[in-house]
Amino acid sequence: MATQALASLDHTLLALADPTRRAILRRLSRGEARVTDLAEPFAISLNSVSKHIRVLERARLVRRRRAGREHLLSFDPRPLADAAAWMEAQHALWTSRLAALDALLSTEDRAARRPARRKERSR
């Protein structure tokens, strides 16, 4: 995976790590909203909400458009799809590696038990 794609993944995972940012994304998944509307349900300052939004924008999970003096935000799910694809690739990689390890250990375990049975038979 290219360095820029990994940096983008880092930004996405960092953005998703915070419950406030996930709540903002849940709200935006229902449609466009103003910054002040997004800040309303939180017991934090508008400035703090704006900082959360900047993290989401850096991760490209949120797009901003201006309509006059208003800033309207919308959700962009593409970075989530990229993160999910990375996770699925990691899952497939580690599943195959662990299956190979399991097969190797099973083979070694069977091989280790065989001589013990032969010795018992020869007695």
N, C-alpha and C. Protein backbone atom coordinates (compact mmCIF):
# COMPACT_ATOMS: atom_id res chain seq x y z
N MET A 1 0.85 -1.17 0.00
CA MET A 1 0.00 0.00 0.00
C MET A 1 0.90 1.24 0.00
N ALA A 2 0.57 2.22 -0.80
CA ALA A 2 1.39 3.42 -0.95
C ALA A 2 1.40 4.24 0.34
N THR A 3 2.46 5.01 0.51
CA THR A 3 2.63 5.82 1.71
C THR A 3 1.47 6.79 1.91
N GLN A 4 1.02 7.42 0.85
CA GLN A 4 -0.10 8.36 0.97
C GLN A 4 -1.38 7.66 1.38
N ALA A 5 -1.59 6.46 0.86
CA ALA A 5 -2.79 5.70 1.24
C ALA A 5 -2.73 5.32 2.71
N LEU A 6 -1.54 4.97 3.20
CA LEU A 6 -1.39 4.64 4.62
C LEU A 6 -1.62 5.87 5.49
N ALA A 7 -1.15 7.02 5.05
CA ALA A 7 -1.38 8.25 5.81
C ALA A 7 -2.87 8.57 5.85
N SER A 8 -3.55 8.35 4.73
CA SER A 8 -4.99 8.57 4.68
C SER A 8 -5.71 7.62 5.63
N LEU A 9 -5.26 6.37 5.66
CA LEU A 9 -5.83 5.38 6.58
C LEU A 9 -5.61 5.82 8.03
N ASP A 10 -4.42 6.31 8.33
CA ASP A 10 -4.13 6.80 9.68
C ASP A 10 -5.09 7.91 10.07
N HIS A 11 -5.31 8.86 9.17
CA HIS A 11 -6.24 9.97 9.45
C HIS A 11 -7.65 9.46 9.68
N THR A 12 -8.07 8.49 8.87
CA THR A 12 -9.42 7.93 9.02
C THR A 12 -9.58 7.24 10.36
N LEU A 13 -8.63 6.39 10.72
CA LEU A 13 -8.73 5.66 11.98
C LEU A 13 -8.64 6.60 13.17
N LEU A 14 -7.80 7.63 13.08
CA LEU A 14 -7.72 8.62 14.14
C LEU A 14 -9.06 9.35 14.30
N ALA A 15 -9.66 9.71 13.19
CA ALA A 15 -10.95 10.41 13.24
C ALA A 15 -12.02 9.54 13.87
N LEU A 16 -12.00 8.26 13.57
CA LEU A 16 -13.02 7.35 14.09
C LEU A 16 -12.79 6.94 15.54
N ALA A 17 -11.63 7.24 16.07
CA ALA A 17 -11.28 6.83 17.43
C ALA A 17 -12.04 7.59 18.51
N ASP A 18 -12.63 8.71 18.17
CA ASP A 18 -13.28 9.55 19.17
C ASP A 18 -14.80 9.43 19.09
N PRO A 19 -15.49 9.22 20.22
CA PRO A 19 -16.95 9.08 20.19
C PRO A 19 -17.69 10.34 19.72
N THR A 20 -17.15 11.51 20.00
CA THR A 20 -17.78 12.75 19.54
C THR A 20 -17.75 12.83 18.02
N ARG A 21 -16.61 12.49 17.43
CA ARG A 21 -16.51 12.52 15.97
C ARG A 21 -17.40 11.46 15.33
N ARG A 22 -17.50 10.29 15.97
CA ARG A 22 -18.41 9.28 15.42
C ARG A 22 -19.86 9.75 15.50
N ALA A 23 -20.22 10.46 16.56
CA ALA A 23 -21.58 11.00 16.68
C ALA A 23 -21.83 12.05 15.60
N ILE A 24 -20.84 12.87 15.32
CA ILE A 24 -20.97 13.87 14.26
C ILE A 24 -21.19 13.17 12.92
N LEU A 25 -20.44 12.12 12.66
CA LEU A 25 -20.62 11.37 11.41
C LEU A 25 -21.99 10.72 11.33
N ARG A 26 -22.46 10.18 12.46
CA ARG A 26 -23.82 9.59 12.47
C ARG A 26 -24.86 10.63 12.08
N ARG A 27 -24.71 11.84 12.64
CA ARG A 27 -25.66 12.91 12.32
C ARG A 27 -25.55 13.29 10.85
N LEU A 28 -24.34 13.41 10.34
CA LEU A 28 -24.15 13.80 8.94
C LEU A 28 -24.59 12.70 7.97
N SER A 29 -24.63 11.46 8.43
CA SER A 29 -25.09 10.38 7.55
C SER A 29 -26.58 10.55 7.22
N ARG A 30 -27.30 11.34 8.01
CA ARG A 30 -28.72 11.63 7.72
C ARG A 30 -28.88 12.81 6.77
N GLY A 31 -27.81 13.55 6.53
CA GLY A 31 -27.88 14.68 5.62
C GLY A 31 -27.02 15.85 6.06
N GLU A 32 -26.92 16.80 5.19
CA GLU A 32 -26.10 18.00 5.39
C GLU A 32 -26.55 18.75 6.65
N ALA A 33 -25.58 19.40 7.32
CA ALA A 33 -25.90 20.17 8.54
C ALA A 33 -24.94 21.33 8.70
N ARG A 34 -25.41 22.35 9.39
CA ARG A 34 -24.55 23.49 9.74
C ARG A 34 -23.70 23.12 10.96
N VAL A 35 -22.58 23.78 11.10
CA VAL A 35 -21.68 23.52 12.22
C VAL A 35 -22.42 23.74 13.54
N THR A 36 -23.18 24.80 13.64
CA THR A 36 -23.90 25.10 14.88
C THR A 36 -24.93 24.01 15.19
N ASP A 37 -25.56 23.45 14.17
CA ASP A 37 -26.50 22.36 14.40
C ASP A 37 -25.79 21.11 14.92
N LEU A 38 -24.62 20.86 14.39
CA LEU A 38 -23.84 19.70 14.83
C LEU A 38 -23.38 19.85 16.28
N ALA A 39 -23.10 21.08 16.68
CA ALA A 39 -22.58 21.34 18.03
C ALA A 39 -23.68 21.25 19.09
N GLU A 40 -24.91 21.44 18.70
CA GLU A 40 -26.03 21.54 19.65
C GLU A 40 -26.12 20.42 20.68
N PRO A 41 -26.04 19.14 20.29
CA PRO A 41 -26.24 18.09 21.30
C PRO A 41 -25.05 17.85 22.25
N PHE A 42 -23.94 18.51 22.00
CA PHE A 42 -22.75 18.26 22.80
C PHE A 42 -22.57 19.30 23.90
N ALA A 43 -22.11 18.85 25.05
CA ALA A 43 -21.86 19.76 26.18
C ALA A 43 -20.42 20.26 26.12
N ILE A 44 -20.00 20.68 24.93
CA ILE A 44 -18.67 21.25 24.73
C ILE A 44 -18.81 22.52 23.91
N SER A 45 -17.77 23.31 23.89
CA SER A 45 -17.83 24.59 23.19
C SER A 45 -17.89 24.40 21.67
N LEU A 46 -18.37 25.44 20.99
CA LEU A 46 -18.41 25.43 19.53
C LEU A 46 -16.99 25.29 18.98
N ASN A 47 -16.03 25.90 19.66
CA ASN A 47 -14.64 25.81 19.25
C ASN A 47 -14.16 24.35 19.31
N SER A 48 -14.54 23.62 20.34
CA SER A 48 -14.15 22.21 20.46
C SER A 48 -14.78 21.37 19.36
N VAL A 49 -16.05 21.64 19.05
CA VAL A 49 -16.71 20.93 17.96
C VAL A 49 -16.00 21.23 16.64
N SER A 50 -15.61 22.47 16.45
CA SER A 50 -14.90 22.85 15.23
C SER A 50 -13.58 22.09 15.09
N LYS A 51 -12.90 21.87 16.21
CA LYS A 51 -11.65 21.09 16.17
C LYS A 51 -11.94 19.65 15.76
N HIS A 52 -13.01 19.08 16.28
CA HIS A 52 -13.39 17.72 15.88
C HIS A 52 -13.70 17.68 14.38
N ILE A 53 -14.38 18.69 13.91
CA ILE A 53 -14.74 18.74 12.49
C ILE A 53 -13.49 18.85 11.62
N ARG A 54 -12.50 19.60 12.07
CA ARG A 54 -11.25 19.71 11.30
C ARG A 54 -10.55 18.35 11.20
N VAL A 55 -10.60 17.56 12.26
CA VAL A 55 -10.01 16.21 12.21
C VAL A 55 -10.77 15.37 11.18
N LEU A 56 -12.09 15.49 11.18
CA LEU A 56 -12.91 14.75 10.20
C LEU A 56 -12.64 15.23 8.78
N GLU A 57 -12.42 16.52 8.61
CA GLU A 57 -12.10 17.06 7.28
C GLU A 57 -10.73 16.59 6.82
N ARG A 58 -9.75 16.54 7.73
CA ARG A 58 -8.41 16.07 7.37
C ARG A 58 -8.48 14.61 6.92
N ALA A 59 -9.39 13.85 7.51
CA ALA A 59 -9.58 12.45 7.13
C ALA A 59 -10.45 12.33 5.88
N ARG A 60 -10.94 13.45 5.39
CA ARG A 60 -11.82 13.52 4.21
C ARG A 60 -13.15 12.78 4.41
N LEU A 61 -13.54 12.65 5.67
CA LEU A 61 -14.83 12.05 5.99
C LEU A 61 -15.95 13.08 5.92
N VAL A 62 -15.56 14.34 5.98
CA VAL A 62 -16.52 15.45 5.97
C VAL A 62 -16.10 16.45 4.91
N ARG A 63 -17.10 16.90 4.15
CA ARG A 63 -16.89 17.97 3.16
C ARG A 63 -17.61 19.22 3.63
N ARG A 64 -17.02 20.35 3.34
CA ARG A 64 -17.61 21.63 3.74
C ARG A 64 -17.91 22.44 2.49
N ARG A 65 -19.08 23.05 2.50
CA ARG A 65 -19.40 24.00 1.43
C ARG A 65 -19.98 25.24 2.07
N ARG A 66 -19.74 26.35 1.44
CA ARG A 66 -20.24 27.62 1.95
C ARG A 66 -21.45 28.05 1.16
N ALA A 67 -22.46 28.50 1.88
CA ALA A 67 -23.66 29.09 1.30
C ALA A 67 -23.86 30.42 2.01
N GLY A 68 -23.33 31.46 1.39
CA GLY A 68 -23.35 32.76 2.05
C GLY A 68 -22.44 32.72 3.26
N ARG A 69 -22.98 33.02 4.42
CA ARG A 69 -22.19 33.01 5.65
C ARG A 69 -22.21 31.66 6.35
N GLU A 70 -23.03 30.77 5.86
CA GLU A 70 -23.15 29.47 6.51
C GLU A 70 -22.14 28.47 5.95
N HIS A 71 -21.68 27.61 6.84
CA HIS A 71 -20.82 26.51 6.46
C HIS A 71 -21.64 25.23 6.63
N LEU A 72 -21.86 24.56 5.52
CA LEU A 72 -22.65 23.33 5.54
C LEU A 72 -21.72 22.14 5.36
N LEU A 73 -21.93 21.15 6.20
CA LEU A 73 -21.07 19.97 6.19
C LEU A 73 -21.86 18.76 5.72
N SER A 74 -21.16 17.87 5.03
CA SER A 74 -21.77 16.62 4.59
C SER A 74 -20.77 15.49 4.77
N PHE A 75 -21.30 14.30 4.85
CA PHE A 75 -20.51 13.09 5.09
C PHE A 75 -20.04 12.50 3.77
N ASP A 76 -18.78 12.08 3.71
CA ASP A 76 -18.22 11.40 2.54
C ASP A 76 -17.75 10.01 2.99
N PRO A 77 -18.46 8.95 2.62
CA PRO A 77 -18.12 7.62 3.12
C PRO A 77 -16.92 6.94 2.45
N ARG A 78 -16.36 7.53 1.42
CA ARG A 78 -15.26 6.87 0.69
C ARG A 78 -14.08 6.48 1.57
N PRO A 79 -13.62 7.34 2.49
CA PRO A 79 -12.50 6.90 3.35
C PRO A 79 -12.86 5.69 4.22
N LEU A 80 -14.13 5.56 4.58
CA LEU A 80 -14.55 4.38 5.34
C LEU A 80 -14.44 3.12 4.49
N ALA A 81 -14.81 3.24 3.23
CA ALA A 81 -14.70 2.11 2.31
C ALA A 81 -13.23 1.71 2.14
N ASP A 82 -12.35 2.70 2.04
CA ASP A 82 -10.91 2.42 1.92
C ASP A 82 -10.39 1.71 3.17
N ALA A 83 -10.82 2.18 4.35
CA ALA A 83 -10.39 1.55 5.61
C ALA A 83 -10.94 0.13 5.71
N ALA A 84 -12.19 -0.06 5.31
CA ALA A 84 -12.78 -1.40 5.34
C ALA A 84 -12.05 -2.35 4.40
N ALA A 85 -11.67 -1.86 3.23
CA ALA A 85 -10.92 -2.68 2.28
C ALA A 85 -9.57 -3.08 2.86
N TRP A 86 -8.89 -2.15 3.53
CA TRP A 86 -7.61 -2.45 4.16
C TRP A 86 -7.81 -3.50 5.24
N MET A 87 -8.84 -3.33 6.06
CA MET A 87 -9.10 -4.29 7.14
C MET A 87 -9.42 -5.68 6.57
N GLU A 88 -10.19 -5.72 5.51
CA GLU A 88 -10.51 -7.01 4.89
C GLU A 88 -9.25 -7.68 4.34
N ALA A 89 -8.36 -6.90 3.75
CA ALA A 89 -7.11 -7.45 3.23
C ALA A 89 -6.25 -7.98 4.38
N GLN A 90 -6.19 -7.23 5.49
CA GLN A 90 -5.43 -7.69 6.65
C GLN A 90 -6.05 -8.96 7.23
N HIS A 91 -7.36 -9.00 7.29
CA HIS A 91 -8.05 -10.18 7.80
C HIS A 91 -7.73 -11.41 6.94
N ALA A 92 -7.79 -11.24 5.63
CA ALA A 92 -7.48 -12.36 4.72
C ALA A 92 -6.02 -12.80 4.88
N LEU A 93 -5.12 -11.84 4.96
CA LEU A 93 -3.70 -12.16 5.12
C LEU A 93 -3.46 -12.96 6.40
N TRP A 94 -3.98 -12.45 7.52
CA TRP A 94 -3.72 -13.12 8.80
C TRP A 94 -4.50 -14.42 8.92
N THR A 95 -5.65 -14.52 8.31
CA THR A 95 -6.38 -15.78 8.32
C THR A 95 -5.58 -16.85 7.60
N SER A 96 -5.02 -16.52 6.43
CA SER A 96 -4.23 -17.50 5.69
C SER A 96 -2.94 -17.84 6.43
N ARG A 97 -2.29 -16.86 7.05
CA ARG A 97 -1.06 -17.13 7.79
C ARG A 97 -1.34 -18.03 9.00
N LEU A 98 -2.42 -17.74 9.71
CA LEU A 98 -2.74 -18.55 10.88
C LEU A 98 -3.18 -19.95 10.47
N ALA A 99 -3.86 -20.08 9.34
CA ALA A 99 -4.23 -21.41 8.84
C ALA A 99 -2.97 -22.21 8.49
N ALA A 100 -2.00 -21.56 7.87
CA ALA A 100 -0.74 -22.23 7.53
C ALA A 100 0.00 -22.64 8.79
N LEU A 101 0.02 -21.78 9.80
CA LEU A 101 0.66 -22.10 11.06
C LEU A 101 -0.05 -23.28 11.74
N ASP A 102 -1.37 -23.25 11.73
CA ASP A 102 -2.14 -24.34 12.32
C ASP A 102 -1.84 -25.66 11.61
N ALA A 103 -1.77 -25.64 10.29
CA ALA A 103 -1.46 -26.86 9.53
C ALA A 103 -0.06 -27.36 9.88
N LEU A 104 0.90 -26.47 9.98
CA LEU A 104 2.26 -26.85 10.32
C LEU A 104 2.32 -27.47 11.71
N LEU A 105 1.67 -26.84 12.67
CA LEU A 105 1.68 -27.36 14.04
C LEU A 105 0.96 -28.70 14.13
N SER A 106 -0.12 -28.84 13.39
CA SER A 106 -0.83 -30.13 13.37
C SER A 106 0.05 -31.23 12.80
N THR A 107 0.76 -30.93 11.73
CA THR A 107 1.67 -31.89 11.12
C THR A 107 2.77 -32.28 12.09
N GLU A 108 3.35 -31.30 12.75
CA GLU A 108 4.42 -31.57 13.73
C GLU A 108 3.88 -32.36 14.91
N ASP A 109 2.67 -32.04 15.34
CA ASP A 109 2.06 -32.75 16.46
C ASP A 109 1.83 -34.22 16.11
N ARG A 110 1.32 -34.47 14.89
CA ARG A 110 1.11 -35.85 14.45
C ARG A 110 2.44 -36.59 14.35
N ALA A 111 3.44 -35.92 13.83
CA ALA A 111 4.76 -36.54 13.69
C ALA A 111 5.37 -36.84 15.06
N ALA A 112 5.15 -35.99 16.02
CA ALA A 112 5.69 -36.20 17.36
C ALA A 112 5.00 -37.36 18.06
N ARG A 113 3.73 -37.60 17.77
CA ARG A 113 3.00 -38.69 18.40
C ARG A 113 3.32 -40.05 17.79
N ARG A 114 3.69 -40.12 16.53
CA ARG A 114 3.95 -41.39 15.85
C ARG A 114 5.07 -42.20 16.51
N PRO A 115 6.24 -41.66 16.76
CA PRO A 115 7.31 -42.45 17.38
C PRO A 115 6.91 -42.99 18.75
N ALA A 116 6.15 -42.23 19.50
CA ALA A 116 5.73 -42.69 20.82
C ALA A 116 4.86 -43.92 20.69
N ARG A 117 3.99 -43.99 19.71
CA ARG A 117 3.14 -45.15 19.50
C ARG A 117 3.97 -46.37 19.07
N ARG A 118 4.96 -46.15 18.23
CA ARG A 118 5.82 -47.25 17.77
C ARG A 118 6.58 -47.86 18.95
N LYS A 119 7.09 -47.02 19.84
CA LYS A 119 7.82 -47.52 20.99
C LYS A 119 6.92 -48.35 21.89
N GLU A 120 5.68 -47.89 22.04
CA GLU A 120 4.75 -48.63 22.88
C GLU A 120 4.46 -50.00 22.27
N ARG A 121 4.32 -50.10 20.98
CA ARG A 121 4.03 -51.36 20.30
C ARG A 121 5.20 -52.35 20.42
N SER A 122 6.42 -51.82 20.43
CA SER A 122 7.57 -52.72 20.46
C SER A 122 7.79 -53.33 21.84
N ARG A 123 7.16 -52.86 22.84
CA ARG A 123 7.34 -53.39 24.22
C ARG A 123 6.63 -54.64 24.43
